[in-house]
Amino acid sequence: MFGELTNWKLRGLPAETSIERYVTIGAYSLLRSCTIEPECIIGQHSILMEGSLVETHSILEAGSVLPPGRRIPTGELWAGNPARFVRTLTHEETRNP
């Protein structure tokens, strides 16, 4: 499922993957049975594993790996392998991801 105004260039998209509206997914990202809520940014070369969830207004930096079942809460920036919390996004950053 792809939401309106979703911009994506990726590979490995199983049927269980859900991508909601206003999401940007960087090139060469790999999504496996995950959920991405509205207005998120997924950096290029990122991997989201089975059961992972990226909540609204969140960012996963380029080259990051979100392990199975991991959740990025609303309005947070995560990075790394495995992905970890970096900081809470500012109000300005969450208005226009």
N, C-alpha and C. Protein backbone atom coordinates (compact mmCIF):
# COMPACT_ATOMS: atom_id res chain seq x y z
N MET A 1 0.84 -1.17 0.00
CA MET A 1 0.00 0.00 0.00
C MET A 1 0.88 1.24 0.00
N PHE A 2 0.62 2.17 -0.89
CA PHE A 2 1.35 3.42 -0.96
C PHE A 2 0.39 4.58 -0.78
N GLY A 3 0.71 5.52 0.10
CA GLY A 3 -0.11 6.70 0.32
C GLY A 3 0.13 7.74 -0.76
N GLU A 4 -0.74 8.72 -0.80
CA GLU A 4 -0.61 9.77 -1.80
C GLU A 4 0.67 10.57 -1.59
N LEU A 5 1.22 11.08 -2.68
CA LEU A 5 2.45 11.87 -2.69
C LEU A 5 3.61 11.15 -2.00
N THR A 6 3.67 9.85 -2.19
CA THR A 6 4.78 9.06 -1.66
C THR A 6 5.86 8.99 -2.72
N ASN A 7 7.10 9.25 -2.31
CA ASN A 7 8.24 9.25 -3.22
C ASN A 7 9.16 8.12 -2.81
N TRP A 8 9.37 7.15 -3.69
CA TRP A 8 10.17 6.00 -3.30
C TRP A 8 10.99 5.44 -4.45
N LYS A 9 12.15 4.91 -4.10
CA LYS A 9 13.03 4.18 -5.02
C LYS A 9 13.65 3.09 -4.17
N LEU A 10 13.14 1.89 -4.24
CA LEU A 10 13.58 0.85 -3.33
C LEU A 10 13.48 -0.52 -3.97
N ARG A 11 13.91 -1.53 -3.21
CA ARG A 11 13.81 -2.91 -3.66
C ARG A 11 13.40 -3.78 -2.48
N GLY A 12 12.93 -4.99 -2.76
CA GLY A 12 12.57 -5.92 -1.70
C GLY A 12 11.32 -5.52 -0.94
N LEU A 13 10.23 -5.32 -1.63
CA LEU A 13 9.00 -4.82 -1.01
C LEU A 13 7.95 -5.93 -0.93
N PRO A 14 7.89 -6.69 0.19
CA PRO A 14 6.87 -7.73 0.33
C PRO A 14 5.47 -7.14 0.47
N ALA A 15 4.47 -7.97 0.26
CA ALA A 15 3.08 -7.53 0.31
C ALA A 15 2.67 -6.98 1.67
N GLU A 16 3.35 -7.37 2.74
CA GLU A 16 2.97 -6.94 4.08
C GLU A 16 3.46 -5.54 4.43
N THR A 17 4.20 -4.92 3.55
CA THR A 17 4.75 -3.60 3.80
C THR A 17 3.69 -2.53 3.57
N SER A 18 3.59 -1.56 4.50
CA SER A 18 2.63 -0.47 4.38
C SER A 18 3.38 0.86 4.43
N ILE A 19 3.17 1.68 3.39
CA ILE A 19 3.80 3.00 3.32
C ILE A 19 2.68 4.01 3.17
N GLU A 20 2.54 4.90 4.14
CA GLU A 20 1.44 5.85 4.12
C GLU A 20 1.82 7.14 3.38
N ARG A 21 0.96 8.14 3.42
CA ARG A 21 1.10 9.35 2.60
C ARG A 21 2.28 10.24 3.03
N TYR A 22 2.78 11.00 2.04
CA TYR A 22 3.85 11.98 2.25
C TYR A 22 5.11 11.37 2.85
N VAL A 23 5.49 10.21 2.36
CA VAL A 23 6.69 9.52 2.83
C VAL A 23 7.76 9.62 1.74
N THR A 24 9.00 9.86 2.14
CA THR A 24 10.12 9.85 1.21
C THR A 24 11.05 8.71 1.60
N ILE A 25 11.35 7.86 0.63
CA ILE A 25 12.24 6.72 0.86
C ILE A 25 13.41 6.84 -0.09
N GLY A 26 14.62 6.87 0.47
CA GLY A 26 15.82 7.02 -0.33
C GLY A 26 16.10 5.82 -1.21
N ALA A 27 16.89 6.06 -2.25
CA ALA A 27 17.27 5.02 -3.20
C ALA A 27 17.97 3.85 -2.52
N TYR A 28 17.73 2.67 -3.05
CA TYR A 28 18.37 1.42 -2.61
C TYR A 28 18.02 1.01 -1.19
N SER A 29 16.91 1.50 -0.67
CA SER A 29 16.45 1.06 0.65
C SER A 29 15.76 -0.29 0.51
N LEU A 30 15.82 -1.08 1.56
CA LEU A 30 15.22 -2.41 1.57
C LEU A 30 14.18 -2.45 2.68
N LEU A 31 12.92 -2.72 2.30
CA LEU A 31 11.82 -2.76 3.25
C LEU A 31 11.26 -4.17 3.31
N ARG A 32 11.17 -4.74 4.51
CA ARG A 32 10.69 -6.11 4.67
C ARG A 32 9.55 -6.14 5.68
N SER A 33 8.33 -6.24 5.19
CA SER A 33 7.15 -6.39 6.05
C SER A 33 7.14 -5.39 7.20
N CYS A 34 7.27 -4.12 6.87
CA CYS A 34 7.32 -3.06 7.87
C CYS A 34 6.19 -2.06 7.62
N THR A 35 6.05 -1.11 8.53
CA THR A 35 5.04 -0.05 8.40
C THR A 35 5.71 1.30 8.55
N ILE A 36 5.41 2.20 7.61
CA ILE A 36 5.92 3.57 7.68
C ILE A 36 4.71 4.49 7.68
N GLU A 37 4.52 5.20 8.79
CA GLU A 37 3.37 6.10 8.94
C GLU A 37 3.60 7.41 8.18
N PRO A 38 2.58 8.30 8.11
CA PRO A 38 2.68 9.51 7.31
C PRO A 38 3.83 10.44 7.69
N GLU A 39 4.32 11.13 6.66
CA GLU A 39 5.27 12.23 6.80
C GLU A 39 6.59 11.82 7.44
N CYS A 40 7.15 10.72 6.95
CA CYS A 40 8.45 10.22 7.43
C CYS A 40 9.48 10.30 6.32
N ILE A 41 10.75 10.27 6.71
CA ILE A 41 11.85 10.23 5.77
C ILE A 41 12.71 9.02 6.11
N ILE A 42 12.97 8.20 5.09
CA ILE A 42 13.85 7.05 5.22
C ILE A 42 15.05 7.34 4.32
N GLY A 43 16.24 7.45 4.91
CA GLY A 43 17.44 7.76 4.14
C GLY A 43 17.83 6.63 3.20
N GLN A 44 18.60 6.98 2.16
CA GLN A 44 19.01 5.98 1.17
C GLN A 44 19.86 4.88 1.80
N HIS A 45 19.80 3.71 1.19
CA HIS A 45 20.54 2.52 1.64
C HIS A 45 20.14 2.07 3.04
N SER A 46 18.94 2.40 3.49
CA SER A 46 18.46 1.95 4.80
C SER A 46 17.76 0.61 4.67
N ILE A 47 17.72 -0.13 5.78
CA ILE A 47 17.04 -1.42 5.81
C ILE A 47 16.06 -1.42 6.98
N LEU A 48 14.79 -1.72 6.69
CA LEU A 48 13.76 -1.86 7.72
C LEU A 48 13.33 -3.32 7.73
N MET A 49 13.55 -3.99 8.85
CA MET A 49 13.30 -5.43 8.95
C MET A 49 11.85 -5.73 9.34
N GLU A 50 11.52 -7.00 9.36
CA GLU A 50 10.16 -7.48 9.60
C GLU A 50 9.57 -6.93 10.90
N GLY A 51 8.35 -6.42 10.80
CA GLY A 51 7.64 -5.94 11.98
C GLY A 51 8.09 -4.60 12.50
N SER A 52 9.04 -3.95 11.84
CA SER A 52 9.48 -2.63 12.31
C SER A 52 8.43 -1.58 11.96
N LEU A 53 8.43 -0.50 12.74
CA LEU A 53 7.44 0.56 12.59
C LEU A 53 8.12 1.91 12.72
N VAL A 54 7.87 2.79 11.75
CA VAL A 54 8.34 4.16 11.81
C VAL A 54 7.10 5.03 11.96
N GLU A 55 6.96 5.66 13.13
CA GLU A 55 5.77 6.46 13.40
C GLU A 55 5.86 7.84 12.74
N THR A 56 4.72 8.53 12.69
CA THR A 56 4.56 9.81 12.03
C THR A 56 5.66 10.81 12.38
N HIS A 57 6.08 11.60 11.38
CA HIS A 57 7.06 12.69 11.55
C HIS A 57 8.40 12.21 12.08
N SER A 58 8.85 11.03 11.66
CA SER A 58 10.14 10.51 12.12
C SER A 58 11.11 10.41 10.96
N ILE A 59 12.41 10.33 11.29
CA ILE A 59 13.46 10.23 10.28
C ILE A 59 14.40 9.10 10.65
N LEU A 60 14.71 8.26 9.65
CA LEU A 60 15.74 7.23 9.78
C LEU A 60 16.86 7.65 8.83
N GLU A 61 18.04 7.91 9.37
CA GLU A 61 19.15 8.42 8.56
C GLU A 61 19.66 7.37 7.56
N ALA A 62 20.33 7.86 6.53
CA ALA A 62 20.88 7.01 5.47
C ALA A 62 21.79 5.93 6.03
N GLY A 63 21.70 4.73 5.45
CA GLY A 63 22.56 3.63 5.83
C GLY A 63 22.20 2.95 7.13
N SER A 64 21.06 3.28 7.70
CA SER A 64 20.65 2.71 8.98
C SER A 64 19.93 1.37 8.80
N VAL A 65 19.98 0.55 9.85
CA VAL A 65 19.27 -0.73 9.86
C VAL A 65 18.35 -0.76 11.07
N LEU A 66 17.04 -0.84 10.81
CA LEU A 66 16.05 -0.92 11.88
C LEU A 66 15.72 -2.40 12.09
N PRO A 67 16.13 -2.98 13.23
CA PRO A 67 15.97 -4.42 13.47
C PRO A 67 14.50 -4.87 13.52
N PRO A 68 14.27 -6.17 13.42
CA PRO A 68 12.91 -6.70 13.48
C PRO A 68 12.18 -6.27 14.75
N GLY A 69 10.92 -5.82 14.56
CA GLY A 69 10.08 -5.46 15.69
C GLY A 69 10.39 -4.13 16.36
N ARG A 70 11.40 -3.41 15.91
CA ARG A 70 11.79 -2.14 16.53
C ARG A 70 10.84 -1.03 16.08
N ARG A 71 10.58 -0.07 16.95
CA ARG A 71 9.67 1.04 16.67
C ARG A 71 10.39 2.36 16.86
N ILE A 72 10.26 3.25 15.87
CA ILE A 72 10.75 4.62 16.01
C ILE A 72 9.54 5.47 16.40
N PRO A 73 9.50 6.00 17.62
CA PRO A 73 8.35 6.80 18.06
C PRO A 73 8.20 8.10 17.26
N THR A 74 7.02 8.66 17.31
CA THR A 74 6.70 9.90 16.61
C THR A 74 7.70 11.00 16.94
N GLY A 75 8.16 11.67 15.87
CA GLY A 75 8.99 12.86 16.03
C GLY A 75 10.42 12.61 16.48
N GLU A 76 10.98 11.43 16.15
CA GLU A 76 12.35 11.14 16.56
C GLU A 76 13.25 10.89 15.36
N LEU A 77 14.54 11.18 15.55
CA LEU A 77 15.58 10.90 14.57
C LEU A 77 16.40 9.72 15.07
N TRP A 78 16.54 8.70 14.22
CA TRP A 78 17.32 7.50 14.56
C TRP A 78 18.37 7.28 13.49
N ALA A 79 19.49 6.63 13.87
CA ALA A 79 20.56 6.35 12.92
C ALA A 79 21.40 5.17 13.40
N GLY A 80 22.12 4.56 12.47
CA GLY A 80 23.10 3.54 12.81
C GLY A 80 22.69 2.12 12.47
N ASN A 81 23.61 1.20 12.78
CA ASN A 81 23.39 -0.22 12.56
C ASN A 81 23.85 -0.99 13.80
N PRO A 82 22.90 -1.38 14.65
CA PRO A 82 21.46 -1.18 14.52
C PRO A 82 21.06 0.27 14.82
N ALA A 83 19.92 0.66 14.28
CA ALA A 83 19.44 2.04 14.47
C ALA A 83 19.15 2.30 15.95
N ARG A 84 19.56 3.50 16.37
CA ARG A 84 19.35 3.94 17.76
C ARG A 84 18.86 5.38 17.77
N PHE A 85 18.23 5.73 18.87
CA PHE A 85 17.73 7.09 19.06
C PHE A 85 18.89 8.08 19.01
N VAL A 86 18.72 9.17 18.25
CA VAL A 86 19.71 10.25 18.19
C VAL A 86 19.20 11.46 18.95
N ARG A 87 17.97 11.90 18.59
CA ARG A 87 17.39 13.06 19.25
C ARG A 87 15.93 13.20 18.86
N THR A 88 15.23 14.05 19.61
CA THR A 88 13.86 14.41 19.27
C THR A 88 13.91 15.52 18.24
N LEU A 89 13.08 15.43 17.22
CA LEU A 89 13.04 16.46 16.18
C LEU A 89 12.37 17.72 16.71
N THR A 90 12.79 18.86 16.20
CA THR A 90 12.18 20.13 16.60
C THR A 90 10.82 20.29 15.94
N HIS A 91 10.04 21.22 16.45
CA HIS A 91 8.72 21.50 15.87
C HIS A 91 8.86 21.87 14.39
N GLU A 92 9.86 22.66 14.05
CA GLU A 92 10.07 23.07 12.66
C GLU A 92 10.38 21.87 11.77
N GLU A 93 11.14 20.92 12.28
CA GLU A 93 11.49 19.74 11.49
C GLU A 93 10.29 18.83 11.27
N THR A 94 9.38 18.77 12.20
CA THR A 94 8.22 17.88 12.04
C THR A 94 7.11 18.51 11.22
N ARG A 95 7.14 19.81 11.04
CA ARG A 95 6.12 20.44 10.20
C ARG A 95 6.28 20.06 8.75
N ASN A 96 7.52 20.02 8.26
CA ASN A 96 7.80 19.73 6.85
C ASN A 96 8.98 18.77 6.75
N PRO A 97 8.73 17.46 6.90
CA PRO A 97 9.86 16.52 6.85
C PRO A 97 10.50 16.47 5.48
